[in-house]
Amino acid sequence: MTAVPFDLWRPTSGCDDECLPVAGETPTVPVLRQVARLLAGVGMLLLGAGLAAVLPVLPARDGQAAVRAWARGTARAFGVRLVVRGRPPRRRALVAANHMSWLDILVVLAVAPTRMVAKREVRSWPLIGLLAAAAGTVFVDRSRPRALPDTVRRVADALRAGRAVAVFPEGTTWCAGQDAVDCRPNGGFRPAMFQAAIDAGAPVVPLRIAYRCAATGESTTATAFLGEETLLRSVRRVVAGRGLEVTVTVGAALHPSRDADRRVLARAAESAVHLVPAAAVPVRRTGVPVALPSTGLPVRPSRPGAGGLDLAA
């Protein structure tokens, strides 16, 4: 693993090529099938571009259903089978998921009809960026930290309007390999976007994404999109994989009070996603304090009037 310096505005992980499967470690499909998957995936992306053009004129419910079906079809075209455990949110909620791959965007859209919060660079991705913009994605410019309060306000506005919004609060992808604790992004879940849920009075729904190879019955990093790796190289590895499967586990909703501390809320969501042993934290569900998983990190209690957003995440 490669040690990386802490950067408040650009989260980094300790992942590098050593975290990816070596040649022959992951079962593959024949070359002709790889080509067929790639062509099918490109075809679905082109279909997505057409969908982006009509989304603005579709009724909201029909548009959400169309995006969900497109995302499921696109993941399947690339050779990835989707398994969903739990009940996805159908109303407004801040959906907080872990982040390993470019596929995560498709996975979240396939599970829940949400607006996404994504880094600005996604806007320039071929076809995916076009569809993301048409679907109302909130793009974050990580080179401009002073724009963060405005981004949080936009997310809160979307939640108040009854929309579900999905975020990847780790801020960067990582391998999520077994025993790869050193690869976890520095700083854990960034708390800024959780302030939007507190301001809007919206629940937070933890979403755990896990990739495995059904052919071997073990977890895999074949789908990971790491560091300086090109998108094309990652796509080629995905379409070559045999039996790739992604399981999405929907956690119990967290209902923060109006005076909740966003850092506490972020740690509770992070612990629910990563299944850390449980301990009590001051977040309520249906008005009653509940025992939730905890990272074991020190928690700063909320202060009266401390609901404003600062940038010291």
Protein backbone atom coordinates (compact mmCIF):
# COMPACT_ATOMS: atom_id res chain seq x y z
CA MET A 1 0.00 0.00 0.00
CA THR A 2 1.12 3.54 -0.69
CA ALA A 3 1.10 6.11 2.09
CA VAL A 4 -0.62 9.33 1.07
CA PRO A 5 -0.70 12.75 2.73
CA PHE A 6 -3.93 14.06 4.23
CA ASP A 7 -5.72 16.59 2.03
CA LEU A 8 -8.82 18.20 3.52
CA TRP A 9 -10.42 18.98 0.15
CA ARG A 10 -9.25 16.05 -1.98
CA PRO A 11 -9.71 12.79 -0.08
CA THR A 12 -7.28 10.05 -1.04
CA SER A 13 -7.06 6.34 -0.39
CA GLY A 14 -4.05 4.11 0.07
CA CYS A 15 -4.95 2.05 -3.00
CA ASP A 16 -2.66 1.36 -5.93
CA ASP A 17 -2.22 -1.39 -8.54
CA GLU A 18 -1.36 -3.87 -5.78
CA CYS A 19 -5.01 -3.72 -4.72
CA LEU A 20 -6.22 -4.98 -8.11
CA PRO A 21 -6.41 -8.67 -9.01
CA VAL A 22 -3.39 -10.06 -10.82
CA ALA A 23 -3.72 -11.75 -14.20
CA GLY A 24 -5.49 -15.08 -13.84
CA GLU A 25 -6.80 -14.39 -10.35
CA THR A 26 -10.30 -13.52 -11.54
CA PRO A 27 -12.10 -15.92 -13.91
CA THR A 28 -12.74 -14.37 -17.32
CA VAL A 29 -15.14 -14.91 -20.20
CA PRO A 30 -14.04 -15.60 -23.80
CA VAL A 31 -12.81 -12.67 -25.86
CA LEU A 32 -15.84 -12.70 -28.14
CA ARG A 33 -18.12 -12.36 -25.15
CA GLN A 34 -15.99 -9.51 -23.83
CA VAL A 35 -16.43 -7.71 -27.14
CA ALA A 36 -20.18 -8.39 -27.07
CA ARG A 37 -20.43 -6.95 -23.57
CA LEU A 38 -18.47 -3.88 -24.54
CA LEU A 39 -20.68 -3.27 -27.56
CA ALA A 40 -23.81 -3.85 -25.48
CA GLY A 41 -22.55 -1.45 -22.82
CA VAL A 42 -21.81 1.22 -25.40
CA GLY A 43 -25.24 0.66 -26.89
CA MET A 44 -26.85 1.19 -23.50
CA LEU A 45 -24.83 4.36 -23.00
CA LEU A 46 -26.06 5.64 -26.37
CA LEU A 47 -29.59 4.77 -25.30
CA GLY A 48 -28.89 6.74 -22.14
CA ALA A 49 -27.96 9.76 -24.24
CA GLY A 50 -31.35 9.53 -25.91
CA LEU A 51 -33.01 9.13 -22.54
CA ALA A 52 -31.23 12.26 -21.34
CA ALA A 53 -32.87 14.20 -24.14
CA VAL A 54 -36.41 13.21 -23.16
CA LEU A 55 -36.06 13.19 -19.36
CA PRO A 56 -36.92 16.90 -18.99
CA VAL A 57 -40.34 16.35 -20.60
CA LEU A 58 -41.25 13.10 -18.83
CA PRO A 59 -43.38 13.09 -15.66
CA ALA A 60 -41.12 12.73 -12.62
CA ARG A 61 -42.24 9.20 -11.75
CA ASP A 62 -41.91 7.96 -15.33
CA GLY A 63 -38.48 9.55 -15.64
CA GLN A 64 -37.28 7.91 -12.43
CA ALA A 65 -38.56 4.51 -13.57
CA ALA A 66 -36.85 4.95 -16.94
CA VAL A 67 -33.52 5.87 -15.34
CA ARG A 68 -33.76 2.93 -12.95
CA ALA A 69 -34.47 0.48 -15.78
CA TRP A 70 -31.69 1.96 -17.90
CA ALA A 71 -29.16 1.70 -15.07
CA ARG A 72 -30.07 -1.93 -14.37
CA GLY A 73 -29.84 -2.77 -18.06
CA THR A 74 -26.50 -1.02 -18.44
CA ALA A 75 -24.93 -2.82 -15.49
CA ARG A 76 -26.19 -6.11 -16.88
CA ALA A 77 -24.84 -5.27 -20.33
CA PHE A 78 -21.38 -4.87 -18.82
CA GLY A 79 -21.75 -8.32 -17.24
CA VAL A 80 -22.59 -7.31 -13.66
CA ARG A 81 -25.52 -8.94 -11.85
CA LEU A 82 -27.37 -6.83 -9.27
CA VAL A 83 -28.71 -8.16 -5.96
CA VAL A 84 -30.71 -5.86 -3.66
CA ARG A 85 -31.28 -6.54 0.04
CA GLY A 86 -33.65 -4.32 1.96
CA ARG A 87 -36.19 -1.76 0.84
CA PRO A 88 -34.79 1.18 -1.14
CA PRO A 89 -36.14 4.64 -0.29
CA ARG A 90 -39.04 5.79 -2.43
CA ARG A 91 -39.34 9.24 -0.88
CA ARG A 92 -36.95 11.98 0.05
CA ALA A 93 -33.79 10.84 1.80
CA LEU A 94 -30.06 11.41 1.75
CA VAL A 95 -28.65 8.11 0.52
CA ALA A 96 -25.07 7.62 1.75
CA ALA A 97 -23.06 4.87 0.04
CA ASN A 98 -19.50 3.60 0.08
CA HIS A 99 -17.50 4.12 -3.11
CA MET A 100 -15.34 1.67 -5.07
CA SER A 101 -16.11 1.97 -8.75
CA TRP A 102 -17.57 3.96 -11.60
CA LEU A 103 -20.22 1.24 -11.52
CA ASP A 104 -21.45 2.61 -8.17
CA ILE A 105 -23.28 5.39 -10.00
CA LEU A 106 -25.20 2.86 -12.10
CA VAL A 107 -25.82 0.69 -9.03
CA VAL A 108 -27.34 3.51 -6.98
CA LEU A 109 -29.50 4.69 -9.89
CA ALA A 110 -30.63 1.10 -10.45
CA VAL A 111 -31.73 0.76 -6.83
CA ALA A 112 -33.21 4.15 -5.97
CA PRO A 113 -34.47 7.05 -8.13
CA THR A 114 -32.11 9.67 -6.76
CA ARG A 115 -30.31 12.79 -7.77
CA MET A 116 -26.57 12.22 -7.48
CA VAL A 117 -23.83 14.30 -5.93
CA ALA A 118 -20.70 13.69 -7.99
CA LYS A 119 -17.32 15.25 -8.63
CA ARG A 120 -17.21 17.76 -11.46
CA GLU A 121 -15.06 15.44 -13.59
CA VAL A 122 -17.99 13.05 -14.06
CA ARG A 123 -19.69 15.74 -16.16
CA SER A 124 -17.06 15.19 -18.88
CA TRP A 125 -17.34 11.39 -18.96
CA PRO A 126 -18.60 10.15 -22.36
CA LEU A 127 -22.39 9.81 -22.39
CA ILE A 128 -22.57 9.06 -18.64
CA GLY A 129 -21.88 12.71 -17.91
CA LEU A 130 -24.66 13.79 -20.26
CA LEU A 131 -27.20 11.53 -18.60
CA ALA A 132 -26.00 12.53 -15.14
CA ALA A 133 -26.53 16.19 -15.94
CA ALA A 134 -29.98 15.52 -17.40
CA ALA A 135 -30.94 13.56 -14.29
CA GLY A 136 -30.19 16.61 -12.12
CA THR A 137 -26.82 15.57 -10.69
CA VAL A 138 -25.26 18.11 -8.33
CA PHE A 139 -21.64 18.43 -9.42
CA VAL A 140 -18.99 19.29 -6.83
CA ASP A 141 -15.88 21.26 -7.75
CA ARG A 142 -13.34 19.92 -5.28
CA SER A 143 -10.83 22.58 -6.31
CA ARG A 144 -13.13 25.31 -4.91
CA PRO A 145 -13.81 24.59 -1.22
CA ARG A 146 -15.60 27.93 -0.84
CA ALA A 147 -18.33 26.58 -3.12
CA LEU A 148 -19.13 23.80 -0.64
CA PRO A 149 -21.81 25.71 1.36
CA ASP A 150 -23.69 26.44 -1.87
CA THR A 151 -23.54 22.75 -2.82
CA VAL A 152 -24.92 21.78 0.59
CA ARG A 153 -27.72 24.32 0.16
CA ARG A 154 -28.64 22.86 -3.26
CA VAL A 155 -28.78 19.36 -1.80
CA ALA A 156 -30.97 20.58 1.08
CA ASP A 157 -33.28 22.31 -1.42
CA ALA A 158 -33.62 19.07 -3.39
CA LEU A 159 -34.47 17.18 -0.19
CA ARG A 160 -37.06 19.80 0.79
CA ALA A 161 -38.59 19.41 -2.67
CA GLY A 162 -39.18 15.74 -1.93
CA ARG A 163 -36.27 14.28 -3.91
CA ALA A 164 -33.88 11.59 -2.78
CA VAL A 165 -30.21 12.56 -3.17
CA ALA A 166 -27.31 10.09 -3.21
CA VAL A 167 -23.81 10.93 -2.01
CA PHE A 168 -20.51 9.08 -1.75
CA PRO A 169 -19.21 10.74 1.41
CA GLU A 170 -15.87 8.92 1.33
CA GLY A 171 -15.05 11.41 -1.41
CA THR A 172 -12.99 8.98 -3.48
CA THR A 173 -12.94 5.36 -4.58
CA TRP A 174 -10.98 2.62 -2.83
CA CYS A 175 -10.58 -1.13 -3.25
CA ALA A 176 -12.66 -2.24 -0.22
CA GLY A 177 -10.57 -5.41 -0.19
CA GLN A 178 -10.50 -7.76 2.75
CA ASP A 179 -8.18 -6.56 5.55
CA ALA A 180 -7.40 -3.43 3.49
CA VAL A 181 -7.83 -1.07 6.43
CA ASP A 182 -4.90 1.09 5.28
CA CYS A 183 -6.73 1.73 2.02
CA ARG A 184 -9.72 3.43 3.64
CA PRO A 185 -9.94 7.07 2.49
CA ASN A 186 -8.44 9.46 5.00
CA GLY A 187 -10.95 11.19 7.23
CA GLY A 188 -13.76 8.66 6.73
CA PHE A 189 -17.19 9.90 5.70
CA ARG A 190 -17.01 13.65 5.07
CA PRO A 191 -19.77 15.29 7.15
CA ALA A 192 -20.62 18.34 5.02
CA MET A 193 -23.47 16.81 2.99
CA PHE A 194 -25.06 15.40 6.13
CA GLN A 195 -25.76 18.99 7.13
CA ALA A 196 -28.18 19.13 4.19
CA ALA A 197 -30.22 16.27 5.71
CA ILE A 198 -30.28 18.02 9.08
CA ASP A 199 -31.32 21.36 7.54
CA ALA A 200 -34.05 19.73 5.45
CA GLY A 201 -35.27 17.41 8.21
CA ALA A 202 -34.70 14.43 5.92
CA PRO A 203 -33.68 10.88 6.90
CA VAL A 204 -30.29 9.41 6.00
CA VAL A 205 -30.34 5.95 4.43
CA PRO A 206 -27.02 4.02 4.56
CA LEU A 207 -26.32 1.96 1.45
CA ARG A 208 -23.64 -0.74 1.42
CA ILE A 209 -22.23 -1.74 -1.98
CA ALA A 210 -20.18 -4.94 -2.19
CA TYR A 211 -18.75 -6.66 -5.26
CA ARG A 212 -18.03 -10.36 -5.47
CA CYS A 213 -17.15 -12.98 -8.02
CA ALA A 214 -19.91 -15.57 -8.05
CA ALA A 215 -17.60 -17.96 -9.89
CA THR A 216 -15.26 -18.12 -6.89
CA GLY A 217 -17.73 -17.16 -4.16
CA GLU A 218 -15.35 -14.47 -2.86
CA SER A 219 -15.26 -10.69 -2.82
CA THR A 220 -13.31 -9.09 -5.64
CA THR A 221 -11.55 -5.82 -6.44
CA ALA A 222 -11.91 -6.40 -10.20
CA THR A 223 -14.53 -3.65 -10.39
CA ALA A 224 -12.47 -1.09 -8.45
CA PHE A 225 -11.53 2.19 -10.14
CA LEU A 226 -8.39 3.41 -8.43
CA GLY A 227 -5.95 6.30 -8.46
CA GLU A 228 -4.56 7.21 -11.87
CA GLU A 229 -6.12 4.25 -13.62
CA THR A 230 -7.94 5.14 -16.84
CA LEU A 231 -11.66 4.56 -17.16
CA LEU A 232 -11.06 2.43 -20.27
CA ARG A 233 -8.74 0.05 -18.42
CA SER A 234 -11.27 -0.39 -15.64
CA VAL A 235 -14.10 -1.00 -18.12
CA ARG A 236 -12.02 -3.63 -19.94
CA ARG A 237 -11.40 -5.48 -16.67
CA VAL A 238 -15.12 -5.42 -15.82
CA VAL A 239 -16.32 -6.74 -19.19
CA ALA A 240 -13.73 -9.53 -18.99
CA GLY A 241 -14.87 -10.75 -15.56
CA ARG A 242 -16.95 -13.90 -15.20
CA GLY A 243 -19.68 -14.01 -12.58
CA LEU A 244 -19.31 -10.44 -11.31
CA GLU A 245 -22.07 -9.59 -8.87
CA VAL A 246 -22.88 -6.48 -6.85
CA THR A 247 -24.94 -6.69 -3.69
CA VAL A 248 -26.63 -3.55 -2.40
CA THR A 249 -27.75 -3.66 1.21
CA VAL A 250 -30.15 -0.92 2.30
CA GLY A 251 -29.71 0.00 5.96
CA ALA A 252 -32.25 1.32 8.43
CA ALA A 253 -32.94 5.03 8.04
CA LEU A 254 -31.36 7.46 10.50
CA HIS A 255 -33.60 10.36 11.52
CA PRO A 256 -31.48 13.28 12.81
CA SER A 257 -32.98 15.93 15.04
CA ARG A 258 -32.77 19.60 14.06
CA ASP A 259 -29.87 20.21 16.42
CA ALA A 260 -27.96 17.06 15.45
CA ASP A 261 -24.20 17.24 14.91
CA ARG A 262 -23.41 16.39 11.31
CA ARG A 263 -20.14 14.71 12.35
CA VAL A 264 -22.01 12.32 14.64
CA LEU A 265 -24.53 11.64 11.88
CA ALA A 266 -21.73 10.99 9.36
CA ARG A 267 -20.01 8.56 11.73
CA ALA A 268 -23.27 6.70 12.40
CA ALA A 269 -23.92 6.34 8.65
CA GLU A 270 -20.32 5.28 8.02
CA SER A 271 -20.49 2.65 10.73
CA ALA A 272 -23.80 1.30 9.39
CA VAL A 273 -22.28 1.01 5.91
CA HIS A 274 -19.07 -0.67 7.07
CA LEU A 275 -20.74 -2.83 9.73
CA VAL A 276 -18.52 -1.82 12.62
CA PRO A 277 -19.53 -3.26 16.06
CA ALA A 278 -22.42 -1.35 17.60
CA ALA A 279 -22.40 1.29 20.34
CA ALA A 280 -24.85 4.01 21.31
CA VAL A 281 -24.67 7.33 19.47
CA PRO A 282 -27.00 10.34 19.86
CA VAL A 283 -29.00 9.96 16.64
CA ARG A 284 -32.69 9.26 16.90
CA ARG A 285 -35.00 7.03 14.95
CA THR A 286 -38.69 7.89 15.16
CA GLY A 287 -37.90 10.14 18.09
CA VAL A 288 -36.13 7.54 20.25
CA PRO A 289 -32.35 7.22 20.70
CA VAL A 290 -31.15 3.94 19.23
CA ALA A 291 -27.96 1.88 19.37
CA LEU A 292 -26.14 2.20 16.08
CA PRO A 293 -22.76 1.01 14.86
CA SER A 294 -19.92 3.31 15.82
CA THR A 295 -16.43 3.82 14.48
CA GLY A 296 -15.15 4.34 17.98
CA LEU A 297 -13.99 7.83 17.06
CA PRO A 298 -14.40 10.67 19.56
CA VAL A 299 -17.64 12.57 19.04
CA ARG A 300 -18.06 16.29 19.65
CA PRO A 301 -21.49 16.93 21.20
CA SER A 302 -23.78 19.44 19.54
CA ARG A 303 -23.86 22.97 20.92
CA PRO A 304 -26.94 25.17 20.93
CA GLY A 305 -26.88 27.28 17.81
CA ALA A 306 -24.11 25.21 16.24
CA GLY A 307 -26.17 24.13 13.26
CA GLY A 308 -24.30 26.28 10.73
CA LEU A 309 -21.95 24.82 8.17
CA ASP A 310 -18.24 25.35 8.43
CA LEU A 311 -15.62 23.91 6.12
CA ALA A 312 -13.49 22.11 8.68
CA ALA A 313 -14.93 18.73 7.73
